[in-house]
Amino acid sequence: MAAAYTLYGSFLSAPTYKVALMLTLCGQAYDYRHVDLAKGEHKTPDFLQLNRYGQVPVLRHGALTLCQSNTILEYLAEGPGSKFAGSGPTERQRIREWMMWETDRLYPGINRTRFFERFAKPDPAVTDFMRKVGEQALGVLDGLLDGKRFLVGERPTIADLCVFGCLAHMAEARFDIGHWPAVKAWWERVTALPGFLLPYDLLPKADRDAA
């Protein structure tokens, strides 16, 4: 029998990892369909029927097809991931603020720098510029995490999974987490969550059905 959820993604994709981590920490079984980005499978007509933007991840839940990783986290927090949802309107608003900040400020600097370091070689000035964007965002994050256990309150929420998913590959972008001690301490708390796995331990390189 097919699992209730099917995740389409790539083991190289930070947004795919966010969703897979959320499902895993919730103990939610899911089928996995690998999308080969190098071969352009995310731009094929069949895939564009799943996601009009031609991006991974995609999550299918029954007749519903979802895209954009942060909105998928919000969707899952209304169901099997309720323990990662906000406890009230104010906390939910703070979570949304963090998720919007991640998209606007953190993700571009971290993941574009990773892309340039690992997959492309643009003008060094471009890489240096994006690295500075990432460092500035990490500085903000470090300051706001100082003295706090998690981003919103005393327990992890989808804000933490969102931001962690962005930072999970930061070493591939040559960001040394040791330069941001509050971020490093928070990282250790997130990685200690029951069932936690890092990206390459969690995401397969081929299709996989739920056990």
Protein backbone atom coordinates (compact mmCIF):
# COMPACT_ATOMS: atom_id res chain seq x y z
CA MET A 1 0.00 0.00 0.00
CA ALA A 2 1.31 3.43 -0.92
CA ALA A 3 2.12 5.83 1.90
CA ALA A 4 -0.18 8.78 2.55
CA TYR A 5 2.59 11.15 1.46
CA THR A 6 4.87 11.10 -1.57
CA LEU A 7 7.87 13.44 -1.63
CA TYR A 8 9.48 14.37 -4.95
CA GLY A 9 12.94 15.82 -4.59
CA SER A 10 16.71 15.58 -4.83
CA PHE A 11 19.28 14.53 -2.25
CA LEU A 12 21.24 17.68 -3.17
CA SER A 13 18.34 20.03 -2.47
CA ALA A 14 18.16 21.93 0.82
CA PRO A 15 14.41 22.61 0.38
CA THR A 16 13.80 18.88 -0.17
CA TYR A 17 15.72 18.16 3.00
CA LYS A 18 13.54 20.52 5.03
CA VAL A 19 10.41 18.58 4.13
CA ALA A 20 12.02 15.16 4.53
CA LEU A 21 13.36 16.16 7.95
CA MET A 22 9.94 17.36 9.06
CA LEU A 23 8.27 14.11 7.96
CA THR A 24 10.99 12.05 9.64
CA LEU A 25 10.88 13.92 12.95
CA CYS A 26 7.11 13.48 12.95
CA GLY A 27 7.48 9.73 12.44
CA GLN A 28 5.49 10.04 9.22
CA ALA A 29 6.17 7.40 6.56
CA TYR A 30 6.42 8.65 2.98
CA ASP A 31 7.27 7.38 -0.48
CA TYR A 32 10.15 9.15 -2.18
CA ARG A 33 10.60 9.93 -5.86
CA HIS A 34 14.03 11.10 -6.97
CA VAL A 35 14.10 13.99 -9.45
CA ASP A 36 17.37 14.19 -11.38
CA LEU A 37 18.07 17.92 -11.56
CA ALA A 38 21.21 17.46 -13.67
CA LYS A 39 19.11 15.80 -16.37
CA GLY A 40 16.48 18.53 -16.20
CA GLU A 41 13.73 16.24 -14.95
CA HIS A 42 12.25 19.13 -12.97
CA LYS A 43 11.56 20.97 -16.25
CA THR A 44 9.77 18.15 -18.06
CA PRO A 45 6.06 18.45 -18.90
CA ASP A 46 5.20 15.65 -16.47
CA PHE A 47 6.94 17.34 -13.57
CA LEU A 48 5.53 20.75 -14.44
CA GLN A 49 2.10 19.20 -13.98
CA LEU A 50 3.14 18.64 -10.35
CA ASN A 51 4.88 21.97 -9.81
CA ARG A 52 4.27 24.83 -12.21
CA TYR A 53 7.52 26.47 -11.03
CA GLY A 54 9.70 23.54 -12.06
CA GLN A 55 11.35 23.19 -8.66
CA VAL A 56 11.76 20.57 -5.96
CA PRO A 57 10.35 19.61 -3.57
CA VAL A 58 6.81 18.56 -4.27
CA LEU A 59 4.69 16.79 -1.68
CA ARG A 60 1.60 14.82 -2.65
CA HIS A 61 -0.98 14.06 0.02
CA GLY A 62 -3.95 12.26 -1.41
CA ALA A 63 -5.43 14.43 -4.14
CA LEU A 64 -3.50 17.50 -2.96
CA THR A 65 -0.17 18.50 -4.50
CA LEU A 66 1.98 21.01 -2.63
CA CYS A 67 5.10 22.97 -3.55
CA GLN A 68 7.45 25.49 -1.89
CA SER A 69 9.16 23.93 1.10
CA ASN A 70 8.26 26.50 3.74
CA THR A 71 4.56 26.38 2.93
CA ILE A 72 4.76 22.57 3.01
CA LEU A 73 6.20 22.81 6.53
CA GLU A 74 3.23 24.97 7.52
CA TYR A 75 0.84 22.45 5.99
CA LEU A 76 2.43 19.54 7.85
CA ALA A 77 2.35 21.52 11.09
CA GLU A 78 -1.44 21.53 10.76
CA GLY A 79 -1.44 17.72 10.67
CA PRO A 80 1.17 15.16 11.73
CA GLY A 81 3.68 17.85 12.64
CA SER A 82 1.48 19.72 15.11
CA LYS A 83 4.18 19.48 17.79
CA PHE A 84 6.25 21.86 15.63
CA ALA A 85 3.45 24.40 15.24
CA GLY A 86 3.03 27.57 17.22
CA SER A 87 1.04 27.40 20.43
CA GLY A 88 -1.05 30.48 19.65
CA PRO A 89 -1.48 33.41 17.25
CA THR A 90 1.55 35.34 18.49
CA GLU A 91 3.89 32.37 18.34
CA ARG A 92 2.60 31.40 14.89
CA GLN A 93 3.29 34.94 13.70
CA ARG A 94 6.84 34.84 15.06
CA ILE A 95 7.38 31.52 13.25
CA ARG A 96 6.17 33.02 9.97
CA GLU A 97 8.50 35.98 10.43
CA TRP A 98 11.49 33.67 10.80
CA MET A 99 10.48 31.68 7.73
CA MET A 100 10.11 34.82 5.63
CA TRP A 101 13.47 36.06 6.89
CA GLU A 102 15.11 32.76 5.97
CA THR A 103 13.82 33.06 2.41
CA ASP A 104 14.77 36.72 2.07
CA ARG A 105 18.09 36.96 3.93
CA LEU A 106 19.60 33.62 4.89
CA TYR A 107 18.89 31.27 1.99
CA PRO A 108 20.35 33.45 -0.81
CA GLY A 109 23.72 33.92 0.84
CA ILE A 110 24.15 30.35 2.08
CA ASN A 111 22.81 28.32 -0.78
CA ARG A 112 23.95 30.47 -3.68
CA THR A 113 27.44 30.46 -2.20
CA ARG A 114 27.20 26.67 -1.92
CA PHE A 115 26.08 26.47 -5.55
CA PHE A 116 29.01 28.58 -6.68
CA GLU A 117 31.49 26.59 -4.60
CA ARG A 118 30.24 23.16 -5.61
CA PHE A 119 28.44 23.34 -8.93
CA ALA A 120 29.50 26.50 -10.80
CA LYS A 121 32.45 28.86 -11.05
CA PRO A 122 31.27 32.41 -11.65
CA ASP A 123 33.41 35.52 -11.41
CA PRO A 124 35.03 35.38 -7.93
CA ALA A 125 33.53 38.77 -7.15
CA VAL A 126 30.06 37.23 -7.42
CA THR A 127 30.95 34.46 -4.98
CA ASP A 128 32.54 36.96 -2.59
CA PHE A 129 29.45 39.14 -2.68
CA MET A 130 27.10 36.24 -1.90
CA ARG A 131 29.44 35.03 0.84
CA LYS A 132 29.20 38.44 2.52
CA VAL A 133 25.40 38.23 2.27
CA GLY A 134 25.54 34.84 4.01
CA GLU A 135 27.93 36.08 6.69
CA GLN A 136 25.73 39.07 7.44
CA ALA A 137 22.68 36.83 7.82
CA LEU A 138 24.59 34.42 10.06
CA GLY A 139 25.64 37.36 12.22
CA VAL A 140 22.02 38.40 12.65
CA LEU A 141 21.01 34.83 13.43
CA ASP A 142 23.82 34.43 15.96
CA GLY A 143 22.82 37.60 17.77
CA LEU A 144 19.15 36.66 17.93
CA LEU A 145 19.92 33.14 19.15
CA ASP A 146 22.20 34.33 21.95
CA GLY A 147 20.67 33.14 25.21
CA LYS A 148 17.84 31.25 23.48
CA ARG A 149 17.26 27.52 23.10
CA PHE A 150 15.25 27.72 19.89
CA LEU A 151 14.09 30.42 17.52
CA VAL A 152 10.60 30.78 18.99
CA GLY A 153 10.12 29.76 22.61
CA GLU A 154 11.61 26.85 24.48
CA ARG A 155 10.80 24.09 22.03
CA PRO A 156 11.63 23.49 18.35
CA THR A 157 9.14 24.66 15.73
CA ILE A 158 8.98 24.67 11.95
CA ALA A 159 10.98 27.90 12.15
CA ASP A 160 13.94 25.88 13.43
CA LEU A 161 13.50 23.18 10.79
CA CYS A 162 13.26 25.81 8.08
CA VAL A 163 16.42 27.63 9.15
CA PHE A 164 18.33 24.43 9.90
CA GLY A 165 17.44 23.05 6.47
CA CYS A 166 19.03 26.12 4.95
CA LEU A 167 22.21 25.78 7.03
CA ALA A 168 22.58 22.01 6.75
CA HIS A 169 24.97 22.32 3.78
CA MET A 170 26.81 25.41 5.01
CA ALA A 171 30.15 23.58 5.23
CA GLU A 172 29.92 22.89 1.48
CA ALA A 173 29.79 26.66 1.03
CA ARG A 174 32.89 26.98 3.27
CA PHE A 175 31.10 28.68 6.15
CA ASP A 176 32.70 27.64 9.45
CA ILE A 177 29.93 27.38 12.03
CA GLY A 178 32.51 27.88 14.77
CA HIS A 179 32.53 31.59 13.92
CA TRP A 180 28.95 31.87 15.22
CA PRO A 181 28.85 30.23 18.67
CA ALA A 182 25.15 30.76 19.38
CA VAL A 183 24.29 29.22 16.01
CA LYS A 184 26.60 26.28 16.78
CA ALA A 185 24.94 25.66 20.16
CA TRP A 186 21.48 25.80 18.55
CA TRP A 187 22.68 23.43 15.77
CA GLU A 188 23.67 20.92 18.43
CA ARG A 189 20.24 21.13 20.04
CA VAL A 190 18.49 20.56 16.73
CA THR A 191 20.70 17.62 15.76
CA ALA A 192 19.96 16.02 19.15
CA LEU A 193 16.22 15.77 18.39
CA PRO A 194 14.96 12.15 18.36
CA GLY A 195 15.06 10.73 14.85
CA PHE A 196 17.23 13.52 13.43
CA LEU A 197 19.31 12.77 10.33
CA LEU A 198 21.61 14.96 8.23
CA PRO A 199 20.80 15.39 4.52
CA TYR A 200 22.94 12.68 2.95
CA ASP A 201 21.90 10.20 5.63
CA LEU A 202 18.23 10.97 5.11
CA LEU A 203 17.66 11.53 1.39
CA PRO A 204 18.16 8.63 -1.05
CA LYS A 205 19.63 8.91 -4.53
CA ALA A 206 16.83 6.86 -6.10
CA ASP A 207 13.12 6.23 -5.68
CA ARG A 208 12.16 4.65 -2.37
CA ASP A 209 8.86 3.40 -1.02
CA ALA A 210 7.98 3.67 2.64
CA ALA A 211 8.91 0.58 4.64
